[in-house]
């Protein structure tokens, strides 16, 4: 925690750790997937909504992190929690 810096410095790991393997959501293509589909990677899971001002503000930093660090070992996974279809989130992300 002492070395944590930047926009996510206040985040702390769950104690005790919690399994998220069964967390289900739709991928960017609209097809169902789970966190288990990213097995073997370190995943930064971001739950966000278009109506959440802090969520919208942090999205450019998460996008930059994904572009800079994405690899076979690391992935940013942003899961939208808006109710309804995915039209509004896709419009925002575009």
PDB file of N, CA and C in Angstrom:
ATOM      1  N   UNK A   1       0.811  -1.192   0.000  1.00  0.00           N
ATOM      2  CA  UNK A   1       0.000   0.000   0.000  1.00  0.00           C
ATOM      3  C   UNK A   1       0.858   1.261   0.000  1.00  0.00           C
ATOM      4  N   UNK A   2       2.012   1.221   0.659  1.00  0.00           N
ATOM      5  CA  UNK A   2       2.857   2.411   0.740  1.00  0.00           C
ATOM      6  C   UNK A   2       3.386   2.828  -0.624  1.00  0.00           C
ATOM      7  N   UNK A   3       3.544   1.875  -1.538  1.00  0.00           N
ATOM      8  CA  UNK A   3       4.079   2.171  -2.865  1.00  0.00           C
ATOM      9  C   UNK A   3       2.993   2.496  -3.881  1.00  0.00           C
ATOM     10  N   UNK A   4       1.731   2.353  -3.498  1.00  0.00           N
ATOM     11  CA  UNK A   4       0.632   2.599  -4.438  1.00  0.00           C
ATOM     12  C   UNK A   4       0.549   4.084  -4.776  1.00  0.00           C
ATOM     13  N   UNK A   5       0.457   4.361  -6.070  1.00  0.00           N
ATOM     14  CA  UNK A   5       0.349   5.744  -6.527  1.00  0.00           C
ATOM     15  C   UNK A   5      -0.691   5.830  -7.629  1.00  0.00           C
ATOM     16  N   UNK A   6      -1.040   7.035  -7.997  1.00  0.00           N
ATOM     17  CA  UNK A   6      -1.932   7.238  -9.134  1.00  0.00           C
ATOM     18  C   UNK A   6      -3.397   7.133  -8.775  1.00  0.00           C
ATOM     19  N   UNK A   7      -4.206   6.954  -9.806  1.00  0.00           N
ATOM     20  CA  UNK A   7      -5.648   7.017  -9.669  1.00  0.00           C
ATOM     21  C   UNK A   7      -6.271   5.848  -8.919  1.00  0.00           C
ATOM     22  N   UNK A   8      -5.562   4.739  -8.807  1.00  0.00           N
ATOM     23  CA  UNK A   8      -6.122   3.583  -8.108  1.00  0.00           C
ATOM     24  C   UNK A   8      -5.390   3.300  -6.802  1.00  0.00           C
ATOM     25  N   UNK A   9      -4.656   4.284  -6.283  1.00  0.00           N
ATOM     26  CA  UNK A   9      -3.848   4.085  -5.081  1.00  0.00           C
ATOM     27  C   UNK A   9      -4.685   3.729  -3.853  1.00  0.00           C
ATOM     28  N   UNK A  10      -5.921   4.158  -3.790  1.00  0.00           N
ATOM     29  CA  UNK A  10      -6.750   3.905  -2.617  1.00  0.00           C
ATOM     30  C   UNK A  10      -7.368   2.510  -2.614  1.00  0.00           C
ATOM     31  N   UNK A  11      -7.230   1.761  -3.698  1.00  0.00           N
ATOM     32  CA  UNK A  11      -7.806   0.420  -3.754  1.00  0.00           C
ATOM     33  C   UNK A  11      -6.963  -0.549  -2.945  1.00  0.00           C
ATOM     34  N   UNK A  12      -7.645  -1.421  -2.238  1.00  0.00           N
ATOM     35  CA  UNK A  12      -6.970  -2.450  -1.462  1.00  0.00           C
ATOM     36  C   UNK A  12      -7.526  -3.804  -1.869  1.00  0.00           C
ATOM     37  N   UNK A  13      -6.703  -4.847  -1.822  1.00  0.00           N
ATOM     38  CA  UNK A  13      -7.210  -6.179  -2.158  1.00  0.00           C
ATOM     39  C   UNK A  13      -8.182  -6.672  -1.084  1.00  0.00           C
ATOM     40  N   UNK A  14      -9.106  -7.524  -1.484  1.00  0.00           N
ATOM     41  CA  UNK A  14     -10.046  -8.121  -0.534  1.00  0.00           C
ATOM     42  C   UNK A  14      -9.271  -8.993   0.445  1.00  0.00           C
ATOM     43  N   UNK A  15      -9.678  -8.940   1.696  1.00  0.00           N
ATOM     44  CA  UNK A  15      -9.020  -9.751   2.716  1.00  0.00           C
ATOM     45  C   UNK A  15     -10.093 -10.422   3.560  1.00  0.00           C
ATOM     46  N   UNK A  16     -10.329 -11.707   3.392  1.00  0.00           N
ATOM     47  CA  UNK A  16      -9.571 -12.645   2.568  1.00  0.00           C
ATOM     48  C   UNK A  16      -9.949 -12.509   1.092  1.00  0.00           C
ATOM     49  N   UNK A  17      -9.090 -12.989   0.204  1.00  0.00           N
ATOM     50  CA  UNK A  17      -9.380 -12.916  -1.233  1.00  0.00           C
ATOM     51  C   UNK A  17     -10.700 -13.604  -1.578  1.00  0.00           C
ATOM     52  N   UNK A  18     -11.395 -13.062  -2.548  1.00  0.00           N
ATOM     53  CA  UNK A  18     -12.677 -13.607  -3.005  1.00  0.00           C
ATOM     54  C   UNK A  18     -12.534 -14.107  -4.436  1.00  0.00           C
ATOM     55  N   UNK A  19     -13.127 -15.246  -4.737  1.00  0.00           N
ATOM     56  CA  UNK A  19     -13.101 -15.773  -6.098  1.00  0.00           C
ATOM     57  C   UNK A  19     -14.118 -15.038  -6.959  1.00  0.00           C
ATOM     58  N   UNK A  20     -13.674 -14.606  -8.127  1.00  0.00           N
ATOM     59  CA  UNK A  20     -14.556 -13.933  -9.083  1.00  0.00           C
ATOM     60  C   UNK A  20     -14.712 -14.769 -10.352  1.00  0.00           C
ATOM     61  N   UNK A  21     -14.235 -16.006 -10.347  1.00  0.00           N
ATOM     62  CA  UNK A  21     -14.229 -16.841 -11.548  1.00  0.00           C
ATOM     63  C   UNK A  21     -15.603 -16.988 -12.192  1.00  0.00           C
ATOM     64  N   UNK A  22     -16.656 -16.966 -11.386  1.00  0.00           N
ATOM     65  CA  UNK A  22     -17.991 -17.180 -11.946  1.00  0.00           C
ATOM     66  C   UNK A  22     -18.697 -15.877 -12.316  1.00  0.00           C
ATOM     67  N   UNK A  23     -18.041 -14.731 -12.130  1.00  0.00           N
ATOM     68  CA  UNK A  23     -18.649 -13.456 -12.504  1.00  0.00           C
ATOM     69  C   UNK A  23     -18.938 -13.469 -14.004  1.00  0.00           C
ATOM     70  N   UNK A  24     -20.219 -13.352 -14.369  1.00  0.00           N
ATOM     71  CA  UNK A  24     -20.631 -13.430 -15.775  1.00  0.00           C
ATOM     72  C   UNK A  24     -21.038 -12.053 -16.288  1.00  0.00           C
ATOM     73  N   UNK A  25     -20.716 -11.795 -17.552  1.00  0.00           N
ATOM     74  CA  UNK A  25     -21.048 -10.530 -18.206  1.00  0.00           C
ATOM     75  C   UNK A  25     -20.946 -10.744 -19.710  1.00  0.00           C
ATOM     76  N   UNK A  26     -21.379  -9.765 -20.484  1.00  0.00           N
ATOM     77  CA  UNK A  26     -21.253  -9.835 -21.933  1.00  0.00           C
ATOM     78  C   UNK A  26     -19.957  -9.166 -22.356  1.00  0.00           C
ATOM     79  N   UNK A  27     -19.247  -9.799 -23.275  1.00  0.00           N
ATOM     80  CA  UNK A  27     -18.015  -9.242 -23.806  1.00  0.00           C
ATOM     81  C   UNK A  27     -18.308  -8.113 -24.786  1.00  0.00           C
ATOM     82  N   UNK A  28     -17.269  -7.487 -25.324  1.00  0.00           N
ATOM     83  CA  UNK A  28     -17.445  -6.383 -26.270  1.00  0.00           C
ATOM     84  C   UNK A  28     -18.278  -6.761 -27.498  1.00  0.00           C
ATOM     85  N   UNK A  29     -18.255  -8.043 -27.850  1.00  0.00           N
ATOM     86  CA  UNK A  29     -19.032  -8.510 -29.001  1.00  0.00           C
ATOM     87  C   UNK A  29     -20.459  -8.885 -28.625  1.00  0.00           C
ATOM     88  N   UNK A  30     -20.826  -8.727 -27.331  1.00  0.00           N
ATOM     89  CA  UNK A  30     -22.168  -9.049 -26.869  1.00  0.00           C
ATOM     90  C   UNK A  30     -22.345 -10.491 -26.446  1.00  0.00           C
ATOM     91  N   UNK A  31     -21.319 -11.316 -26.616  1.00  0.00           N
ATOM     92  CA  UNK A  31     -21.416 -12.728 -26.255  1.00  0.00           C
ATOM     93  C   UNK A  31     -21.106 -12.919 -24.774  1.00  0.00           C
ATOM     94  N   UNK A  32     -21.824 -13.856 -24.109  1.00  0.00           N
ATOM     95  CA  UNK A  32     -21.593 -14.105 -22.685  1.00  0.00           C
ATOM     96  C   UNK A  32     -20.174 -14.600 -22.419  1.00  0.00           C
ATOM     97  N   UNK A  33     -19.608 -14.139 -21.302  1.00  0.00           N
ATOM     98  CA  UNK A  33     -18.301 -14.620 -20.879  1.00  0.00           C
ATOM     99  C   UNK A  33     -18.209 -14.496 -19.365  1.00  0.00           C
ATOM    100  N   UNK A  34     -17.139 -15.022 -18.793  1.00  0.00           N
ATOM    101  CA  UNK A  34     -16.883 -14.903 -17.360  1.00  0.00           C
ATOM    102  C   UNK A  34     -15.435 -14.472 -17.165  1.00  0.00           C
ATOM    103  N   UNK A  35     -15.115 -14.104 -15.949  1.00  0.00           N
ATOM    104  CA  UNK A  35     -13.727 -13.771 -15.626  1.00  0.00           C
ATOM    105  C   UNK A  35     -12.833 -14.980 -15.890  1.00  0.00           C
ATOM    106  N   UNK A  36     -13.369 -16.178 -15.735  1.00  0.00           N
ATOM    107  CA  UNK A  36     -12.587 -17.391 -15.991  1.00  0.00           C
ATOM    108  C   UNK A  36     -12.058 -17.431 -17.428  1.00  0.00           C
ATOM    109  N   UNK A  37     -12.702 -16.702 -18.348  1.00  0.00           N
ATOM    110  CA  UNK A  37     -12.214 -16.637 -19.727  1.00  0.00           C
ATOM    111  C   UNK A  37     -10.876 -15.911 -19.812  1.00  0.00           C
ATOM    112  N   UNK A  38     -10.496 -15.223 -18.748  1.00  0.00           N
ATOM    113  CA  UNK A  38      -9.213 -14.514 -18.692  1.00  0.00           C
ATOM    114  C   UNK A  38      -8.225 -15.247 -17.787  1.00  0.00           C
ATOM    115  N   UNK A  39      -8.438 -16.544 -17.581  1.00  0.00           N
ATOM    116  CA  UNK A  39      -7.586 -17.336 -16.694  1.00  0.00           C
ATOM    117  C   UNK A  39      -6.121 -17.201 -17.092  1.00  0.00           C
ATOM    118  N   UNK A  40      -5.269 -17.087 -16.099  1.00  0.00           N
ATOM    119  CA  UNK A  40      -3.841 -16.961 -16.333  1.00  0.00           C
ATOM    120  C   UNK A  40      -3.367 -15.528 -16.453  1.00  0.00           C
ATOM    121  N   UNK A  41      -4.294 -14.586 -16.499  1.00  0.00           N
ATOM    122  CA  UNK A  41      -3.936 -13.168 -16.596  1.00  0.00           C
ATOM    123  C   UNK A  41      -4.227 -12.465 -15.275  1.00  0.00           C
ATOM    124  N   UNK A  42      -3.501 -11.418 -15.020  1.00  0.00           N
ATOM    125  CA  UNK A  42      -3.882 -10.484 -13.974  1.00  0.00           C
ATOM    126  C   UNK A  42      -4.932  -9.581 -14.590  1.00  0.00           C
ATOM    127  N   UNK A  43      -6.091  -9.474 -13.954  1.00  0.00           N
ATOM    128  CA  UNK A  43      -7.209  -8.706 -14.502  1.00  0.00           C
ATOM    129  C   UNK A  43      -7.523  -7.530 -13.581  1.00  0.00           C
ATOM    130  N   UNK A  44      -7.574  -6.339 -14.160  1.00  0.00           N
ATOM    131  CA  UNK A  44      -8.103  -5.177 -13.462  1.00  0.00           C
ATOM    132  C   UNK A  44      -9.572  -5.102 -13.879  1.00  0.00           C
ATOM    133  N   UNK A  45     -10.459  -5.481 -12.973  1.00  0.00           N
ATOM    134  CA  UNK A  45     -11.891  -5.501 -13.242  1.00  0.00           C
ATOM    135  C   UNK A  45     -12.494  -4.167 -12.817  1.00  0.00           C
ATOM    136  N   UNK A  46     -13.101  -3.480 -13.756  1.00  0.00           N
ATOM    137  CA  UNK A  46     -13.714  -2.179 -13.483  1.00  0.00           C
ATOM    138  C   UNK A  46     -15.210  -2.275 -13.754  1.00  0.00           C
ATOM    139  N   UNK A  47     -16.019  -2.099 -12.706  1.00  0.00           N
ATOM    140  CA  UNK A  47     -17.465  -2.033 -12.871  1.00  0.00           C
ATOM    141  C   UNK A  47     -17.817  -0.559 -13.024  1.00  0.00           C
ATOM    142  N   UNK A  48     -18.512  -0.204 -14.105  1.00  0.00           N
ATOM    143  CA  UNK A  48     -18.795   1.189 -14.391  1.00  0.00           C
ATOM    144  C   UNK A  48     -20.196   1.357 -14.973  1.00  0.00           C
ATOM    145  N   UNK A  49     -20.652   2.610 -14.996  1.00  0.00           N
ATOM    146  CA  UNK A  49     -21.960   2.940 -15.571  1.00  0.00           C
ATOM    147  C   UNK A  49     -21.872   4.300 -16.251  1.00  0.00           C
ATOM    148  N   UNK A  50     -22.668   4.493 -17.283  1.00  0.00           N
ATOM    149  CA  UNK A  50     -22.644   5.765 -18.001  1.00  0.00           C
ATOM    150  C   UNK A  50     -23.143   6.916 -17.142  1.00  0.00           C
ATOM    151  N   UNK A  51     -23.974   6.639 -16.151  1.00  0.00           N
ATOM    152  CA  UNK A  51     -24.519   7.685 -15.273  1.00  0.00           C
ATOM    153  C   UNK A  51     -23.580   8.032 -14.127  1.00  0.00           C
ATOM    154  N   UNK A  52     -22.483   7.324 -13.979  1.00  0.00           N
ATOM    155  CA  UNK A  52     -21.535   7.511 -12.883  1.00  0.00           C
ATOM    156  C   UNK A  52     -20.414   8.456 -13.330  1.00  0.00           C
ATOM    157  N   UNK A  53     -20.446   9.691 -12.832  1.00  0.00           N
ATOM    158  CA  UNK A  53     -19.450  10.691 -13.252  1.00  0.00           C
ATOM    159  C   UNK A  53     -18.006  10.254 -12.972  1.00  0.00           C
ATOM    160  N   UNK A  54     -17.676   9.712 -11.787  1.00  0.00           N
ATOM    161  CA  UNK A  54     -16.305   9.252 -11.567  1.00  0.00           C
ATOM    162  C   UNK A  54     -15.907   8.107 -12.515  1.00  0.00           C
ATOM    163  N   UNK A  55     -16.872   7.251 -12.825  1.00  0.00           N
ATOM    164  CA  UNK A  55     -16.597   6.144 -13.757  1.00  0.00           C
ATOM    165  C   UNK A  55     -16.223   6.694 -15.133  1.00  0.00           C
ATOM    166  N   UNK A  56     -16.979   7.668 -15.589  1.00  0.00           N
ATOM    167  CA  UNK A  56     -16.718   8.275 -16.895  1.00  0.00           C
ATOM    168  C   UNK A  56     -15.360   8.974 -16.898  1.00  0.00           C
ATOM    169  N   UNK A  57     -15.030   9.630 -15.784  1.00  0.00           N
ATOM    170  CA  UNK A  57     -13.772  10.370 -15.694  1.00  0.00           C
ATOM    171  C   UNK A  57     -12.558   9.445 -15.718  1.00  0.00           C
ATOM    172  N   UNK A  58     -12.690   8.249 -15.136  1.00  0.00           N
ATOM    173  CA  UNK A  58     -11.540   7.340 -15.072  1.00  0.00           C
ATOM    174  C   UNK A  58     -11.364   6.508 -16.353  1.00  0.00           C
ATOM    175  N   UNK A  59     -12.368   6.498 -17.217  1.00  0.00           N
ATOM    176  CA  UNK A  59     -12.305   5.645 -18.405  1.00  0.00           C
ATOM    177  C   UNK A  59     -11.114   5.945 -19.316  1.00  0.00           C
ATOM    178  N   UNK A  60     -10.750   7.209 -19.575  1.00  0.00           N
ATOM    179  CA  UNK A  60      -9.568   7.453 -20.411  1.00  0.00           C
ATOM    180  C   UNK A  60      -8.282   6.875 -19.809  1.00  0.00           C
ATOM    181  N   UNK A  61      -8.132   6.943 -18.481  1.00  0.00           N
ATOM    182  CA  UNK A  61      -6.938   6.376 -17.846  1.00  0.00           C
ATOM    183  C   UNK A  61      -6.924   4.857 -17.971  1.00  0.00           C
ATOM    184  N   UNK A  62      -8.082   4.222 -17.819  1.00  0.00           N
ATOM    185  CA  UNK A  62      -8.150   2.769 -17.975  1.00  0.00           C
ATOM    186  C   UNK A  62      -7.887   2.357 -19.419  1.00  0.00           C
ATOM    187  N   UNK A  63      -8.397   3.138 -20.353  1.00  0.00           N
ATOM    188  CA  UNK A  63      -8.153   2.867 -21.773  1.00  0.00           C
ATOM    189  C   UNK A  63      -6.664   2.982 -22.089  1.00  0.00           C
ATOM    190  N   UNK A  64      -6.015   4.014 -21.552  1.00  0.00           N
ATOM    191  CA  UNK A  64      -4.572   4.182 -21.770  1.00  0.00           C
ATOM    192  C   UNK A  64      -3.785   3.041 -21.136  1.00  0.00           C
ATOM    193  N   UNK A  65      -4.195   2.617 -19.941  1.00  0.00           N
ATOM    194  CA  UNK A  65      -3.533   1.497 -19.275  1.00  0.00           C
ATOM    195  C   UNK A  65      -3.652   0.226 -20.098  1.00  0.00           C
ATOM    196  N   UNK A  66      -4.848  -0.028 -20.629  1.00  0.00           N
ATOM    197  CA  UNK A  66      -5.062  -1.209 -21.470  1.00  0.00           C
ATOM    198  C   UNK A  66      -4.162  -1.154 -22.704  1.00  0.00           C
ATOM    199  N   UNK A  67      -4.092  -0.001 -23.351  1.00  0.00           N
ATOM    200  CA  UNK A  67      -3.268   0.132 -24.549  1.00  0.00           C
ATOM    201  C   UNK A  67      -1.787  -0.038 -24.240  1.00  0.00           C
ATOM    202  N   UNK A  68      -1.355   0.469 -23.088  1.00  0.00           N
ATOM    203  CA  UNK A  68       0.060   0.416 -22.721  1.00  0.00           C
ATOM    204  C   UNK A  68       0.492  -0.936 -22.184  1.00  0.00           C
ATOM    205  N   UNK A  69      -0.337  -1.586 -21.373  1.00  0.00           N
ATOM    206  CA  UNK A  69       0.091  -2.772 -20.625  1.00  0.00           C
ATOM    207  C   UNK A  69      -0.560  -4.087 -21.047  1.00  0.00           C
ATOM    208  N   UNK A  70      -1.566  -4.037 -21.912  1.00  0.00           N
ATOM    209  CA  UNK A  70      -2.261  -5.262 -22.288  1.00  0.00           C
ATOM    210  C   UNK A  70      -1.282  -6.284 -22.853  1.00  0.00           C
ATOM    211  N   UNK A  71      -1.425  -7.512 -22.391  1.00  0.00           N
ATOM    212  CA  UNK A  71      -0.528  -8.588 -22.840  1.00  0.00           C
ATOM    213  C   UNK A  71      -1.163  -9.930 -22.515  1.00  0.00           C
ATOM    214  N   UNK A  72      -0.396 -10.989 -22.714  1.00  0.00           N
ATOM    215  CA  UNK A  72      -0.867 -12.311 -22.318  1.00  0.00           C
ATOM    216  C   UNK A  72      -0.970 -12.422 -20.804  1.00  0.00           C
ATOM    217  N   UNK A  73      -0.369 -11.470 -20.069  1.00  0.00           N
ATOM    218  CA  UNK A  73      -0.352 -11.529 -18.611  1.00  0.00           C
ATOM    219  C   UNK A  73      -1.267 -10.513 -17.934  1.00  0.00           C
ATOM    220  N   UNK A  74      -1.750  -9.489 -18.658  1.00  0.00           N
ATOM    221  CA  UNK A  74      -2.542  -8.426 -18.038  1.00  0.00           C
ATOM    222  C   UNK A  74      -3.661  -7.964 -18.958  1.00  0.00           C
ATOM    223  N   UNK A  75      -4.828  -7.694 -18.357  1.00  0.00           N
ATOM    224  CA  UNK A  75      -5.983  -7.252 -19.133  1.00  0.00           C
ATOM    225  C   UNK A  75      -6.853  -6.341 -18.279  1.00  0.00           C
ATOM    226  N   UNK A  76      -7.274  -5.205 -18.829  1.00  0.00           N
ATOM    227  CA  UNK A  76      -8.291  -4.373 -18.199  1.00  0.00           C
ATOM    228  C   UNK A  76      -9.638  -4.875 -18.709  1.00  0.00           C
ATOM    229  N   UNK A  77     -10.539  -5.208 -17.804  1.00  0.00           N
ATOM    230  CA  UNK A  77     -11.882  -5.664 -18.167  1.00  0.00           C
ATOM    231  C   UNK A  77     -12.871  -4.676 -17.553  1.00  0.00           C
ATOM    232  N   UNK A  78     -13.525  -3.892 -18.389  1.00  0.00           N
ATOM    233  CA  UNK A  78     -14.504  -2.905 -17.936  1.00  0.00           C
ATOM    234  C   UNK A  78     -15.903  -3.468 -18.190  1.00  0.00           C
ATOM    235  N   UNK A  79     -16.649  -3.674 -17.116  1.00  0.00           N
ATOM    236  CA  UNK A  79     -17.991  -4.256 -17.205  1.00  0.00           C
ATOM    237  C   UNK A  79     -19.012  -3.173 -16.891  1.00  0.00           C
ATOM    238  N   UNK A  80     -19.861  -2.873 -17.863  1.00  0.00           N
ATOM    239  CA  UNK A  80     -20.887  -1.851 -17.686  1.00  0.00           C
ATOM    240  C   UNK A  80     -22.057  -2.443 -16.910  1.00  0.00           C
ATOM    241  N   UNK A  81     -22.556  -1.695 -15.921  1.00  0.00           N
ATOM    242  CA  UNK A  81     -23.659  -2.163 -15.092  1.00  0.00           C
ATOM    243  C   UNK A  81     -24.954  -1.380 -15.332  1.00  0.00           C
ATOM    244  N   UNK A  82     -25.022  -0.606 -16.429  1.00  0.00           N
ATOM    245  CA  UNK A  82     -26.264   0.087 -16.782  1.00  0.00           C
ATOM    246  C   UNK A  82     -27.371  -0.941 -17.006  1.00  0.00           C
ATOM    247  N   UNK A  83     -28.593  -0.584 -16.651  1.00  0.00           N
ATOM    248  CA  UNK A  83     -29.740  -1.441 -16.935  1.00  0.00           C
ATOM    249  C   UNK A  83     -30.113  -1.300 -18.412  1.00  0.00           C
ATOM    250  N   UNK A  84     -30.668  -2.335 -18.984  1.00  0.00           N
ATOM    251  CA  UNK A  84     -31.115  -2.275 -20.369  1.00  0.00           C
ATOM    252  C   UNK A  84     -30.077  -2.819 -21.334  1.00  0.00           C
ATOM    253  N   UNK A  85     -30.192  -2.414 -22.582  1.00  0.00           N
ATOM    254  CA  UNK A  85     -29.296  -2.916 -23.617  1.00  0.00           C
ATOM    255  C   UNK A  85     -27.950  -2.199 -23.566  1.00  0.00           C
ATOM    256  N   UNK A  86     -27.092  -2.515 -24.514  1.00  0.00           N
ATOM    257  CA  UNK A  86     -25.732  -1.949 -24.500  1.00  0.00           C
ATOM    258  C   UNK A  86     -25.547  -0.756 -25.449  1.00  0.00           C
ATOM    259  N   UNK A  87     -26.637  -0.172 -25.940  1.00  0.00           N
ATOM    260  CA  UNK A  87     -26.554   0.946 -26.886  1.00  0.00           C
ATOM    261  C   UNK A  87     -25.867   2.157 -26.229  1.00  0.00           C
ATOM    262  N   UNK A  88     -26.337   2.560 -25.065  1.00  0.00           N
ATOM    263  CA  UNK A  88     -25.807   3.743 -24.405  1.00  0.00           C
ATOM    264  C   UNK A  88     -24.327   3.574 -24.027  1.00  0.00           C
ATOM    265  N   UNK A  89     -23.922   2.443 -23.421  1.00  0.00           N
ATOM    266  CA  UNK A  89     -22.489   2.271 -23.112  1.00  0.00           C
ATOM    267  C   UNK A  89     -21.621   2.259 -24.361  1.00  0.00           C
ATOM    268  N   UNK A  90     -22.055   1.607 -25.418  1.00  0.00           N
ATOM    269  CA  UNK A  90     -21.256   1.566 -26.644  1.00  0.00           C
ATOM    270  C   UNK A  90     -21.135   2.958 -27.252  1.00  0.00           C
ATOM    271  N   UNK A  91     -22.197   3.753 -27.193  1.00  0.00           N
ATOM    272  CA  UNK A  91     -22.147   5.117 -27.696  1.00  0.00           C
ATOM    273  C   UNK A  91     -21.137   5.937 -26.889  1.00  0.00           C
ATOM    274  N   UNK A  92     -21.166   5.804 -25.567  1.00  0.00           N
ATOM    275  CA  UNK A  92     -20.214   6.524 -24.716  1.00  0.00           C
ATOM    276  C   UNK A  92     -18.779   6.106 -25.046  1.00  0.00           C
ATOM    277  N   UNK A  93     -18.524   4.802 -25.151  1.00  0.00           N
ATOM    278  CA  UNK A  93     -17.165   4.325 -25.402  1.00  0.00           C
ATOM    279  C   UNK A  93     -16.655   4.743 -26.770  1.00  0.00           C
ATOM    280  N   UNK A  94     -17.554   4.844 -27.745  1.00  0.00           N
ATOM    281  CA  UNK A  94     -17.139   5.280 -29.078  1.00  0.00           C
ATOM    282  C   UNK A  94     -16.704   6.735 -29.032  1.00  0.00           C
TER     283      UNK A  94
END
